[in-house]
Protein backbone atom coordinates (compact mmCIF):
# COMPACT_ATOMS: atom_id res chain seq x y z
CA MET A 1 35.18 7.99 14.11
CA SER A 2 35.91 9.51 11.16
CA VAL A 3 37.30 7.51 8.05
CA ALA A 4 40.68 9.12 8.83
CA GLU A 5 40.62 7.63 12.35
CA THR A 6 39.46 4.41 11.24
CA ILE A 7 42.51 4.33 8.67
CA ASP A 8 45.33 5.29 11.95
CA GLN A 9 43.16 2.72 14.07
CA LEU A 10 43.86 0.00 11.37
CA ILE A 11 47.51 0.87 10.95
CA ALA A 12 47.85 0.82 14.87
CA VAL A 13 46.05 -2.75 15.42
CA PHE A 14 47.35 -4.11 12.28
CA GLY A 15 50.98 -2.66 12.03
CA GLU A 16 52.77 -2.81 8.74
CA GLN A 17 50.01 -5.28 7.23
CA VAL A 18 47.96 -2.47 6.31
CA GLU A 19 49.05 1.33 4.71
CA GLN A 20 47.33 4.21 2.85
CA ARG A 21 47.69 4.82 -0.49
CA GLU A 22 45.66 7.83 -1.10
CA GLN A 23 42.15 6.92 -0.39
CA VAL A 24 42.54 3.38 -0.21
CA VAL A 25 43.66 0.88 2.74
CA VAL A 26 45.85 -1.71 1.47
CA VAL A 27 45.92 -5.07 3.34
CA ARG A 28 47.74 -7.74 3.56
CA GLU A 29 46.69 -11.12 2.66
CA ALA A 30 47.62 -12.78 6.20
CA VAL A 31 45.39 -10.39 8.16
CA LEU A 32 42.58 -10.08 5.82
CA ALA A 33 39.94 -11.95 7.85
CA ARG A 34 40.90 -10.44 10.82
CA VAL A 35 40.12 -6.60 9.25
CA PHE A 36 36.96 -7.85 8.34
CA VAL A 37 35.94 -8.67 11.56
CA TYR A 38 37.65 -5.57 12.79
CA LEU A 39 35.67 -3.22 10.88
CA ARG A 40 32.55 -5.20 10.89
CA ARG A 41 32.44 -5.72 14.79
CA GLU A 42 35.06 -3.87 16.84
CA THR A 43 35.20 -0.51 15.36
CA GLU A 44 32.77 1.96 16.46
CA PRO A 45 30.96 2.96 14.16
CA CYS A 46 30.92 -0.41 12.57
CA TYR A 47 31.09 -0.90 9.00
CA ASP A 48 27.67 -2.95 8.21
CA ILE A 49 27.46 -2.48 4.96
CA LEU A 50 29.73 -4.39 1.65
CA VAL A 51 28.68 -2.11 -1.25
CA ASP A 52 30.67 -3.77 -3.88
CA LEU A 53 33.21 -6.40 -4.34
CA THR A 54 35.49 -6.07 -7.78
CA ALA A 55 38.82 -7.30 -8.95
CA VAL A 56 41.33 -6.14 -11.65
CA ASP A 57 43.59 -7.57 -13.75
CA HIS A 58 47.15 -5.76 -13.78
CA LEU A 59 48.54 -8.25 -16.36
CA GLU A 60 49.15 -5.18 -18.77
CA ARG A 61 50.41 -2.85 -15.93
CA GLN A 62 53.15 -2.57 -12.83
CA SER A 63 51.69 -3.99 -10.19
CA PRO A 64 52.84 -5.75 -6.65
CA ALA A 65 50.57 -8.81 -7.90
CA ARG A 66 48.61 -9.70 -10.86
CA PHE A 67 45.23 -9.12 -9.35
CA ALA A 68 43.64 -6.87 -7.18
CA ILE A 69 40.71 -7.03 -4.97
CA TYR A 70 38.62 -3.96 -3.81
CA TYR A 71 35.81 -3.79 -0.94
CA CYS A 72 33.74 -1.15 -0.54
CA LEU A 73 32.37 -0.72 2.72
CA ARG A 74 29.80 1.77 4.30
CA SER A 75 28.83 2.85 7.85
CA ALA A 76 24.83 2.67 8.16
CA ALA A 77 25.06 5.23 10.97
CA THR A 78 27.59 7.68 9.70
CA GLY A 79 27.69 7.25 5.81
CA ALA A 80 31.65 6.87 6.32
CA PHE A 81 32.99 5.01 2.85
CA LEU A 82 35.80 2.86 2.86
CA ARG A 83 37.70 1.27 0.37
CA LEU A 84 40.29 -2.19 0.71
CA GLU A 85 42.58 -2.88 -1.89
CA VAL A 86 43.90 -6.62 -1.65
CA PHE A 87 46.98 -7.94 -3.81
CA CYS A 88 47.01 -11.34 -5.01
CA GLY A 89 48.72 -13.52 -7.51
CA GLY A 90 45.81 -16.03 -8.41
CA GLN A 91 45.59 -17.69 -4.98
CA SER A 92 42.15 -17.87 -3.13
CA LEU A 93 41.53 -15.38 -0.86
CA PRO A 94 39.46 -15.51 2.88
CA SER A 95 35.58 -15.12 2.09
CA ALA A 96 33.72 -12.13 3.56
CA MET A 97 30.37 -13.72 3.45
CA ARG A 98 30.82 -14.27 7.46
CA GLU A 99 30.68 -10.57 8.52
CA TRP A 100 28.38 -9.27 5.14
CA PRO A 101 25.97 -11.75 3.48
CA ALA A 102 25.89 -9.31 0.07
CA ALA A 103 29.56 -11.09 -0.36
CA ASP A 104 28.05 -13.99 -1.81
CA TRP A 105 27.24 -13.04 -4.91
CA PHE A 106 30.16 -10.85 -5.19
CA GLU A 107 32.56 -13.61 -4.68
CA ARG A 108 31.17 -15.70 -7.19
CA GLU A 109 30.93 -13.00 -9.74
CA VAL A 110 34.83 -12.42 -9.06
CA TYR A 111 35.45 -16.08 -9.43
CA ASP A 112 33.30 -16.77 -12.25
CA LEU A 113 35.19 -13.87 -14.46
CA MET A 114 38.45 -13.19 -13.24
CA GLY A 115 38.76 -16.58 -11.52
CA ILE A 116 39.98 -15.74 -7.78
CA ALA A 117 38.55 -18.50 -5.49
CA PHE A 118 37.87 -17.45 -1.65
CA ASP A 119 38.24 -19.81 1.27
CA GLY A 120 35.63 -20.28 4.05
CA ARG A 121 32.16 -20.48 2.22
CA ILE A 122 30.23 -23.14 0.22
CA ASP A 123 29.09 -23.06 -2.84
CA LEU A 124 31.55 -21.26 -4.93
CA LYS A 125 30.39 -21.83 -7.99
CA ARG A 126 30.20 -19.73 -11.45
CA LEU A 127 27.25 -17.33 -11.47
CA LEU A 128 26.83 -15.36 -14.55
CA LEU A 129 28.30 -18.11 -17.52
CA PRO A 130 27.63 -21.87 -18.01
CA THR A 131 28.83 -23.98 -15.21
CA ASN A 132 31.34 -25.82 -18.14
CA PHE A 133 33.16 -22.79 -19.22
CA VAL A 134 36.59 -23.13 -18.92
CA ASP A 135 37.82 -19.40 -18.66
CA HIS A 136 37.91 -16.38 -16.97
CA PRO A 137 36.58 -13.50 -19.05
CA LEU A 138 37.63 -10.55 -17.66
CA ARG A 139 41.29 -11.39 -17.32
CA LYS A 140 43.39 -9.27 -20.12
CA ASP A 141 44.73 -12.62 -21.94
CA TYR A 142 41.23 -13.47 -22.69
CA PRO A 143 40.32 -12.31 -25.93
CA LEU A 144 37.39 -10.23 -26.19
CA THR A 145 35.78 -12.07 -29.16
CA GLY A 146 36.07 -15.29 -27.10
CA ALA A 147 38.11 -18.49 -27.35
CA GLY A 148 35.89 -20.62 -29.19
CA GLU A 149 33.76 -21.46 -26.00
CA ARG A 150 30.45 -21.46 -28.27
CA GLU A 151 31.31 -23.35 -30.86
CA GLU A 152 32.71 -26.37 -28.50
CA ALA A 153 29.93 -26.26 -26.02
CA GLY A 154 26.96 -25.68 -28.93
CA MET A 155 23.84 -23.86 -27.77
CA PRO A 156 22.02 -24.08 -24.57
CA ASN A 157 19.19 -26.82 -24.06
CA ALA A 158 16.37 -25.33 -24.30
CA LEU A 159 14.74 -24.76 -20.96
CA LEU A 160 12.82 -28.07 -19.75
CA PRO A 161 10.20 -28.88 -16.90
CA GLY A 162 11.77 -29.67 -13.81
CA PRO A 163 11.85 -33.00 -12.06
CA ILE A 164 9.40 -34.23 -9.73
CA VAL A 165 11.33 -35.12 -6.39
CA ARG A 166 8.91 -37.54 -4.33
CA LEU A 167 9.59 -36.63 -0.54
CA SER A 168 6.76 -39.65 0.35
CA ALA A 169 4.11 -41.29 -0.77
CA GLU A 170 1.74 -37.99 0.02
CA ARG A 171 4.35 -35.35 -0.78
CA GLU A 172 6.47 -34.38 -3.73
CA VAL A 173 8.27 -31.17 -4.67
CA ALA A 174 8.13 -29.79 -8.41
CA VAL A 175 11.17 -28.14 -9.59
CA LEU A 176 9.87 -24.79 -11.77
CA ASP A 177 11.23 -22.19 -13.87
CA PHE A 178 9.45 -18.87 -12.51
CA ASN A 179 9.82 -16.15 -14.43
CA PRO A 180 7.06 -13.73 -14.17
CA LEU A 181 8.92 -10.34 -14.76
CA GLY A 182 9.90 -11.84 -18.11
CA GLN A 183 13.31 -9.90 -19.94
CA GLY A 184 15.47 -13.20 -19.43
CA LEU A 185 15.22 -13.14 -15.60
CA ARG A 186 15.16 -16.89 -14.48
CA LEU A 187 14.59 -18.38 -11.30
CA LYS A 188 13.99 -22.15 -10.31
CA LEU A 189 11.42 -22.67 -7.56
CA GLU A 190 10.95 -25.55 -5.50
CA VAL A 191 7.29 -26.07 -4.42
CA GLU A 192 4.99 -27.93 -2.82
CA GLY A 193 1.52 -27.87 -3.45
CA ASP A 194 1.28 -24.42 -4.54
CA ARG A 195 3.86 -23.45 -1.69
CA VAL A 196 7.26 -22.46 -2.22
CA ARG A 197 10.13 -24.49 -0.37
CA ARG A 198 12.93 -22.49 -1.84
CA ALA A 199 13.98 -20.02 -4.49
CA THR A 200 17.34 -20.18 -6.73
CA PRO A 201 18.27 -17.55 -8.95
CA ASP A 202 19.33 -18.46 -12.11
CA PRO A 203 21.29 -15.29 -13.59
CA GLY A 204 23.31 -14.78 -16.62
CA TYR A 205 20.70 -15.67 -19.77
CA VAL A 206 21.20 -11.87 -20.64
CA HIS A 207 25.10 -11.82 -19.87
CA ALA A 208 26.28 -9.36 -22.64
CA GLY A 209 29.90 -8.99 -21.33
CA LEU A 210 29.17 -5.04 -20.70
CA GLU A 211 32.88 -4.89 -18.66
CA LYS A 212 34.94 -6.56 -21.35
CA LEU A 213 33.12 -4.40 -23.93
CA GLY A 214 33.93 -0.96 -22.11
CA GLU A 215 37.79 -2.20 -22.00
CA SER A 216 37.59 -2.30 -25.96
CA LEU A 217 35.72 1.45 -26.09
CA THR A 218 36.18 5.13 -26.03
CA TYR A 219 35.07 7.06 -23.05
CA ARG A 220 32.63 8.57 -24.95
CA GLN A 221 31.52 5.10 -26.53
CA CYS A 222 31.26 3.78 -23.10
CA ALA A 223 28.27 6.02 -22.64
CA GLN A 224 26.24 3.81 -24.51
CA LEU A 225 26.71 1.32 -22.47
CA THR A 226 24.89 2.54 -19.47
CA GLY A 227 21.58 2.35 -21.82
CA ARG A 228 21.89 -1.31 -22.32
CA LEU A 229 22.03 -1.82 -18.53
CA GLY A 230 17.93 -1.63 -19.03
CA GLU A 231 15.30 1.02 -18.81
CA GLN A 232 16.16 2.11 -15.21
CA LEU A 233 19.70 3.28 -15.47
CA PRO A 234 20.29 5.03 -19.21
CA PHE A 235 20.27 8.64 -16.95
CA SER A 236 21.99 7.66 -13.99
CA GLY A 237 24.65 5.29 -15.26
CA ALA A 238 25.57 7.63 -18.24
CA LEU A 239 25.87 10.48 -15.22
CA ALA A 240 27.94 8.37 -12.71
CA LEU A 241 30.29 7.81 -16.18
CA ALA A 242 30.79 11.24 -16.67
CA LEU A 243 31.25 12.19 -13.24
CA ALA A 244 34.19 9.42 -13.13
CA VAL A 245 35.86 11.01 -15.92
CA GLU A 246 35.84 14.51 -15.02
CA ARG A 247 36.78 13.57 -11.47
CA LEU A 248 40.04 11.81 -13.16
CA LEU A 249 40.53 14.99 -15.20
CA ASP A 250 39.88 17.14 -12.35
CA LEU A 251 37.28 19.60 -13.95
CA GLN A 252 33.19 19.86 -13.57
CA ALA A 253 30.19 20.49 -15.88
CA PRO A 254 29.39 24.08 -15.96
CA PRO A 255 26.09 25.37 -13.51
CA ARG A 256 23.44 25.00 -16.32
CA ALA A 257 24.80 21.22 -17.52
CA ARG A 258 24.65 20.39 -13.44
CA TYR A 259 20.86 21.53 -13.60
CA LEU A 260 20.03 19.46 -16.31
CA ARG A 261 21.14 16.29 -15.35
CA VAL A 262 19.28 16.65 -12.58
CA LEU A 263 16.23 17.29 -14.18
CA CYS A 264 16.87 14.15 -16.58
CA CYS A 265 17.87 12.13 -13.54
CA GLU A 266 14.53 13.03 -12.02
CA LEU A 267 12.30 12.82 -14.90
CA GLY A 268 14.15 9.21 -15.44
CA ARG A 269 13.47 8.30 -11.77
CA ILE A 270 9.41 8.96 -12.44
CA ALA A 271 9.61 7.04 -15.71
CA ALA A 272 10.88 4.05 -13.97
CA HIS A 273 8.84 3.92 -11.00
CA LEU A 274 5.89 4.27 -13.68
CA ALA A 275 7.13 1.42 -15.27
CA TRP A 276 7.72 -0.52 -11.77
CA LEU A 277 4.14 0.62 -10.96
CA ALA A 278 2.68 -0.80 -14.10
CA GLU A 279 4.32 -4.28 -13.73
CA GLN A 280 3.44 -4.41 -10.08
CA ALA A 281 -0.36 -3.64 -11.12
CA ARG A 282 -0.08 -6.40 -13.96
CA LEU A 283 1.25 -8.80 -11.15
CA ALA A 284 -1.76 -8.21 -9.42
CA GLY A 285 -4.63 -8.51 -11.73
CA SER A 286 -4.73 -4.47 -11.94
CA SER A 287 -5.47 -3.64 -15.50
CA VAL A 288 -6.70 -0.11 -15.35
CA ALA A 289 -3.87 0.62 -12.97
CA TRP A 290 -1.55 -1.04 -15.48
CA HIS A 291 -3.12 0.92 -18.43
CA ARG A 292 -2.84 4.35 -16.54
CA ALA A 293 0.71 3.94 -15.54
CA TRP A 294 2.18 3.19 -18.81
CA SER A 295 0.05 6.16 -20.20
CA GLU A 296 1.60 8.79 -17.88
CA ARG A 297 4.76 7.24 -18.54
CA ASP A 298 4.34 7.72 -22.27
CA LYS A 299 3.88 11.37 -21.49
CA ILE A 300 7.84 11.51 -20.13
CA LYS A 301 8.76 9.47 -23.61
CA SER A 302 7.25 12.31 -25.80
CA LEU A 303 9.12 14.69 -23.87
CA TRP A 304 12.54 13.24 -24.79
CA GLU A 305 11.40 12.88 -28.51
CA GLY A 306 10.64 17.01 -28.36
CA LEU A 307 14.38 17.31 -27.93
CA GLY A 308 14.88 15.21 -30.92
CA LEU A 309 16.62 12.22 -28.88
CA GLY A 310 14.11 9.41 -29.49
CA ALA A 311 15.33 8.07 -26.60
CA GLU A 312 17.24 8.93 -23.20
CA VAL A 313 20.67 7.02 -23.92
CA GLY A 314 23.57 9.52 -25.15
CA LEU A 315 21.83 12.66 -23.12
CA ILE A 316 23.99 13.03 -20.92
CA CYS A 317 28.08 13.60 -21.84
CA VAL A 318 31.32 14.46 -20.04
CA GLY A 319 31.65 17.65 -19.47
CA GLY A 320 27.82 18.61 -19.92
CA THR A 321 24.78 17.24 -21.74
CA VAL A 322 24.37 16.65 -25.52
CA VAL A 323 21.91 19.09 -25.86
CA ASP A 324 20.07 21.87 -24.27
CA VAL A 325 16.43 21.91 -23.46
CA ASP A 326 14.28 24.82 -24.67
CA ALA A 327 11.13 26.75 -23.59
CA ALA A 328 8.63 23.84 -24.91
CA PHE A 329 10.39 21.21 -22.94
CA ALA A 330 10.33 23.18 -20.05
CA THR A 331 6.55 24.00 -20.38
CA ALA A 332 5.69 20.58 -21.00
CA SER A 333 7.84 19.01 -17.88
CA ALA A 334 6.59 21.71 -15.45
CA GLU A 335 2.76 20.77 -16.66
CA PHE A 336 3.61 16.85 -16.30
CA CYS A 337 4.73 17.53 -12.35
CA THR A 338 1.53 19.71 -11.93
CA GLY A 339 -0.38 16.73 -12.88
CA VAL A 340 1.69 14.56 -10.61
CA PRO A 341 -0.26 14.88 -7.60
CA GLY A 342 -3.48 14.33 -9.34
CA PHE A 343 -1.87 11.47 -10.97
CA LEU A 344 -0.96 9.64 -7.59
CA ASP A 345 -4.32 10.19 -5.88
CA GLU A 346 -5.86 8.10 -8.88
CA MET A 347 -3.53 5.27 -8.49
CA ASP A 348 -4.41 5.40 -4.71
CA ARG A 349 -7.83 5.17 -5.36
CA LEU A 350 -7.38 2.51 -7.89
CA PHE A 351 -4.53 0.55 -6.75
CA THR A 352 -2.31 1.28 -4.19
CA GLY A 353 -4.55 2.51 -1.74
CA HIS A 354 -7.51 -0.11 -2.15
CA PRO A 355 -8.21 -2.14 1.04
CA PHE A 356 -7.80 -5.39 -0.95
CA TRP A 357 -4.47 -4.47 -2.02
CA VAL A 358 -3.83 -3.41 1.49
CA ARG A 359 -4.64 -6.35 3.14
CA ARG A 360 -3.04 -8.96 0.46
CA VAL A 361 0.31 -7.23 0.65
CA ARG A 362 0.62 -6.02 4.19
CA GLY A 363 3.44 -8.26 5.94
CA LEU A 364 4.31 -9.95 2.65
CA GLY A 365 7.95 -10.36 2.01
CA GLU A 366 9.23 -8.36 4.96
CA LEU A 367 13.05 -7.58 5.22
CA SER A 368 14.20 -6.30 8.15
CA ALA A 369 16.59 -2.91 8.31
CA GLU A 370 18.88 -5.38 10.03
CA LYS A 371 18.76 -7.83 6.88
CA ALA A 372 18.36 -5.06 4.20
CA LEU A 373 21.93 -4.09 5.67
CA GLY A 374 23.46 -7.27 5.41
CA TRP A 375 22.54 -7.90 2.13
CA GLY A 376 23.87 -4.56 0.56
CA ALA A 377 20.53 -3.21 0.25
CA SER A 378 20.02 0.30 -1.20
CA GLY A 379 17.36 2.74 -2.78
CA PRO A 380 13.88 1.95 -2.16
CA VAL A 381 14.29 -1.63 -0.86
CA LEU A 382 16.77 0.11 2.29
CA ARG A 383 14.21 3.11 3.03
CA ALA A 384 10.90 0.33 2.87
CA ALA A 385 12.95 -0.99 6.18
CA GLY A 386 13.27 2.17 7.55
CA ILE A 387 16.95 3.40 7.02
CA ALA A 388 16.99 6.72 5.56
CA ARG A 389 19.62 6.66 2.96
CA ASP A 390 19.34 8.59 -0.10
CA ILE A 391 22.94 9.48 -1.73
CA ARG A 392 21.38 12.35 -3.24
CA ARG A 393 20.83 14.13 0.04
CA ASP A 394 23.47 12.21 1.92
CA ASP A 395 26.42 12.46 -0.03
CA PRO A 396 25.20 15.13 -2.81
CA TYR A 397 26.52 15.09 -6.51
CA ALA A 398 25.58 16.79 -9.37
CA GLN A 399 23.99 20.03 -7.49
CA TYR A 400 21.40 17.73 -5.50
CA GLU A 401 22.75 19.71 -2.55
CA ASP A 402 20.52 23.10 -4.33
CA PHE A 403 17.43 21.07 -4.21
CA ASP A 404 15.07 20.79 -1.32
CA PHE A 405 12.97 17.06 -1.17
CA ALA A 406 11.86 14.89 1.50
CA VAL A 407 13.56 11.22 1.45
CA ALA A 408 10.12 8.76 2.21
CA VAL A 409 10.77 5.54 4.64
CA GLY A 410 8.67 2.68 5.46
CA GLU A 411 8.37 0.68 8.90
CA HIS A 412 8.11 -3.06 8.34
CA GLY A 413 10.22 -3.54 4.59
CA ASP A 414 7.39 -5.74 3.12
CA VAL A 415 5.65 -5.16 -0.75
CA LEU A 416 3.35 -2.27 0.51
CA ASP A 417 6.04 -0.29 2.05
CA ARG A 418 8.10 -0.53 -0.97
CA CYS A 419 5.50 0.36 -2.94
CA GLN A 420 4.39 3.70 -0.79
CA VAL A 421 8.22 4.62 -0.37
CA ARG A 422 8.27 4.68 -4.49
CA LEU A 423 5.08 6.32 -5.05
CA ALA A 424 6.33 9.07 -2.64
CA GLU A 425 9.62 9.48 -4.69
CA VAL A 426 7.34 9.78 -7.55
CA ALA A 427 6.17 13.06 -6.11
CA ALA A 428 9.45 14.11 -4.58
CA SER A 429 11.11 13.83 -8.09
CA ALA A 430 7.92 15.96 -9.32
CA ARG A 431 9.23 18.79 -7.02
CA ILE A 432 12.99 18.76 -7.84
CA VAL A 433 12.04 18.84 -11.26
CA GLU A 434 9.80 21.94 -10.71
CA GLN A 435 12.43 23.54 -8.67
CA ALA A 436 15.22 22.53 -11.51
CA LEU A 437 13.29 24.28 -13.91
CA GLN A 438 12.91 27.23 -11.74
CA GLY A 439 16.21 27.63 -10.93
CA MET A 440 18.08 26.96 -14.22
CA PRO A 441 20.98 28.84 -14.39
CA GLU A 442 21.91 30.67 -17.46
CA GLY A 443 24.81 29.45 -19.52
CA ALA A 444 26.16 26.79 -21.87
CA HIS A 445 25.01 23.37 -21.26
CA ARG A 446 28.60 21.71 -21.88
CA LEU A 447 32.27 22.86 -21.85
CA ALA A 448 33.40 24.60 -24.60
CA ASP A 449 36.47 22.80 -24.85
CA HIS A 450 36.93 21.19 -28.46
CA ALA A 451 37.35 17.72 -26.51
CA PHE A 452 34.19 17.65 -25.22
CA ALA A 453 32.06 19.49 -27.92
CA GLY A 454 33.51 18.39 -30.99
CA GLY A 455 33.26 21.27 -34.08
CA ASP A 456 30.69 22.62 -36.52
CA VAL A 457 30.77 20.02 -39.15
CA SER A 458 29.98 22.48 -41.79
CA THR A 459 33.49 24.02 -41.36
CA PRO A 460 36.70 22.25 -42.21
CA GLU A 461 38.31 23.28 -38.97
CA GLY A 462 35.31 22.19 -37.26
CA MET A 463 35.25 18.76 -38.92
CA ILE A 464 38.75 18.21 -37.46
CA HIS A 465 37.83 18.89 -33.74
CA HIS A 466 34.87 16.92 -34.17
CA PHE A 467 36.82 13.62 -35.81
CA SER A 468 39.46 14.32 -33.36
CA ALA A 469 37.31 13.97 -30.51
CA TRP A 470 36.20 10.55 -31.84
CA MET A 471 38.93 8.99 -33.54
CA ASP A 472 40.88 6.00 -32.26
CA GLY A 473 44.05 7.55 -30.13
CA HIS A 474 42.43 10.91 -29.77
CA GLY A 475 39.62 12.67 -27.83
CA LEU A 476 39.32 12.09 -23.82
CA GLN A 477 42.28 10.76 -22.42
CA PRO A 478 42.15 10.67 -18.48
CA PRO A 479 45.37 10.40 -16.10
CA SER A 480 46.10 7.27 -15.05
CA GLY A 481 44.52 6.70 -11.96
CA ASP A 482 41.09 5.05 -10.45
CA VAL A 483 37.96 6.53 -8.62
CA TYR A 484 34.88 4.68 -7.10
CA LEU A 485 31.56 6.70 -6.84
CA SER A 486 27.67 5.74 -6.39
CA VAL A 487 24.76 7.77 -7.71
CA GLU A 488 20.97 7.62 -6.94
CA ALA A 489 19.56 5.25 -9.07
CA PRO A 490 15.68 4.54 -9.32
CA GLY A 491 16.43 1.55 -8.19
CA GLY A 492 18.86 2.07 -5.48
CA GLU A 493 22.60 2.57 -5.27
CA PHE A 494 24.83 2.54 -8.90
CA GLY A 495 28.33 2.26 -8.09
CA LEU A 496 30.95 2.91 -10.95
CA TYR A 497 35.05 1.66 -10.89
CA LEU A 498 36.78 3.31 -13.60
CA VAL A 499 40.77 2.44 -13.77
CA SER A 500 42.38 4.50 -16.22
CA ASP A 501 45.84 3.51 -17.83
CA GLY A 502 45.98 7.40 -19.46
CA THR A 503 44.71 6.13 -22.80
CA ASP A 504 41.58 7.21 -24.80
CA ARG A 505 39.93 3.84 -23.40
CA PRO A 506 39.20 2.39 -19.72
CA TYR A 507 41.57 -0.02 -18.42
CA ARG A 508 38.71 -1.26 -16.30
CA LEU A 509 35.18 -0.16 -15.69
CA HIS A 510 32.79 -2.31 -13.59
CA PHE A 511 29.01 -1.32 -12.78
CA ARG A 512 27.68 -2.00 -9.44
CA THR A 513 23.85 -2.18 -10.09
CA PRO A 514 21.21 -2.67 -7.67
CA SER A 515 19.37 -5.50 -9.02
CA PHE A 516 22.13 -7.57 -9.04
CA VAL A 517 22.36 -6.91 -5.01
CA HIS A 518 18.79 -7.25 -4.59
CA LEU A 519 18.13 -10.34 -6.09
CA GLN A 520 20.34 -12.28 -3.94
CA CYS A 521 18.18 -11.50 -1.15
CA TYR A 522 14.81 -12.99 -2.77
CA PRO A 523 15.11 -16.67 -1.61
CA GLU A 524 14.86 -15.19 2.11
CA LEU A 525 11.45 -13.13 1.27
CA VAL A 526 9.61 -15.85 -0.24
CA SER A 527 10.12 -19.32 1.87
CA GLY A 528 6.51 -20.61 2.52
CA LEU A 529 4.72 -18.51 -0.04
CA ASP A 530 1.94 -18.94 -2.96
CA LEU A 531 3.15 -18.97 -6.04
CA ASP A 532 1.17 -15.87 -6.75
CA GLU A 533 2.24 -13.83 -3.69
CA ALA A 534 6.36 -14.94 -4.43
CA ALA A 535 5.50 -13.29 -7.81
CA LEU A 536 4.40 -9.76 -6.12
CA VAL A 537 7.61 -10.05 -3.61
CA LEU A 538 9.60 -10.14 -7.13
CA GLY A 539 7.70 -7.46 -8.10
CA SER A 540 7.96 -5.26 -5.47
CA LEU A 541 12.15 -5.73 -5.33
CA ASN A 542 11.97 -4.19 -9.52
CA ILE A 543 14.47 -6.42 -11.19
CA ALA A 544 15.97 -5.90 -14.16
CA ALA A 545 17.82 -8.89 -15.80
CA ALA A 546 20.05 -6.62 -17.87
CA GLU A 547 20.99 -5.05 -14.54
CA VAL A 548 21.67 -8.38 -12.92
CA ASP A 549 23.55 -9.96 -15.71
CA ARG A 550 25.25 -6.89 -17.28
């Protein structure tokens, strides 16, 4: 059944309680819970993945109600994508957790930042902000610089060792702060001896309010926000933002720019996987593999420095890319990709294929395909569970349909499979880079319109065009509308929801990051494991605190 047929069925079953608005199905609150059950259990194929859940405050716009809640659903069997919209005036809505466990943190985030509660669930509390925070920052009437809560509440207390809870004369449980990856990621573990009884992620320590900040920046400035989501996302995040704005503007980047974007994203994917490999090797105690992985990643960093950038952030922009690649960059990239198979063979001997490592992690942190879908997993975590879902192949964007690459999958969904899938993706990305270099079209790397390219600052006319592209009230001004799209980031599915009100700034900018989703399922994977095993499982999920907290 196609998406259109599903919508027709919804209208036939629920009548006037459901209506279609362009590519969104508007559902009335009275039947929302029944619609959840219908889509999850009664349609064929069913919508078994909750991709995203977020909200928009329409205080400054005409709308049937102040708030709109958006549910993004996907069918694992067909890849069909469906968006639901529910308007509410601030009252509570039925929870979606009974049908999709992934709704837990999504609903807590909406409650935390928008103040909308959800019925029929337990433990609805703040997620990213302190428990004593008194407001909801993503509401339009909340000031960008805050309302003085920091001065009133004072600085948070230093992290102290957790209490010892005595279960009996022989048994006691310690509550520990667990932070093997650093980066501001914090978890609370209840341990008995060295065994984990329960794990509780405690996000929010590096929350930067990026979505609130995005509402105050121009579209050009918003490109810098994606770089603050962590080293895994500078290219994928910037590409998602550029594609969203281009879709609203109804335009497409030049052919050469599309190939350059693929080239950048795949080199970025290799760099991200090498950084993960180094961290996984460190947690396993393999210093040689750690050093080799970082050394190989440094080669990619030097490629960007050769373009005069110094960093990946800001390379992809609306309308194309900021700079073009030269012959030296192409030659160095090709040489790097030629050496990837040899490097992977070396890693297999040193670490990933070593019998000790295989015995240690086979069966560790298993995530079944059914549970992976329920938690909304994506990327290497989902593919390791046996689900061959890759947005680059299944919903091509940025010209990925021109490239031939294999999608690696695992069988057990454990630490070993997640490791092997990522290494296979390094090889696949290297092949994509080689194809991009060989088939690179001639032409411009960016649209020639002054709104995208600015002007030559050496001439008076060019200086005017340059300033008009950056000045407040000028530059890019997409027409009113909204768009949701996803790209395949190194860690999994990166979703971006953009609402435009026709000005040069987003009305709403929302990021759906893979680490936010994957950290949710971590407690289920580590119950009963040793502390060192729990660290290996966390490393295999490749969690970035900046992605979680945003």
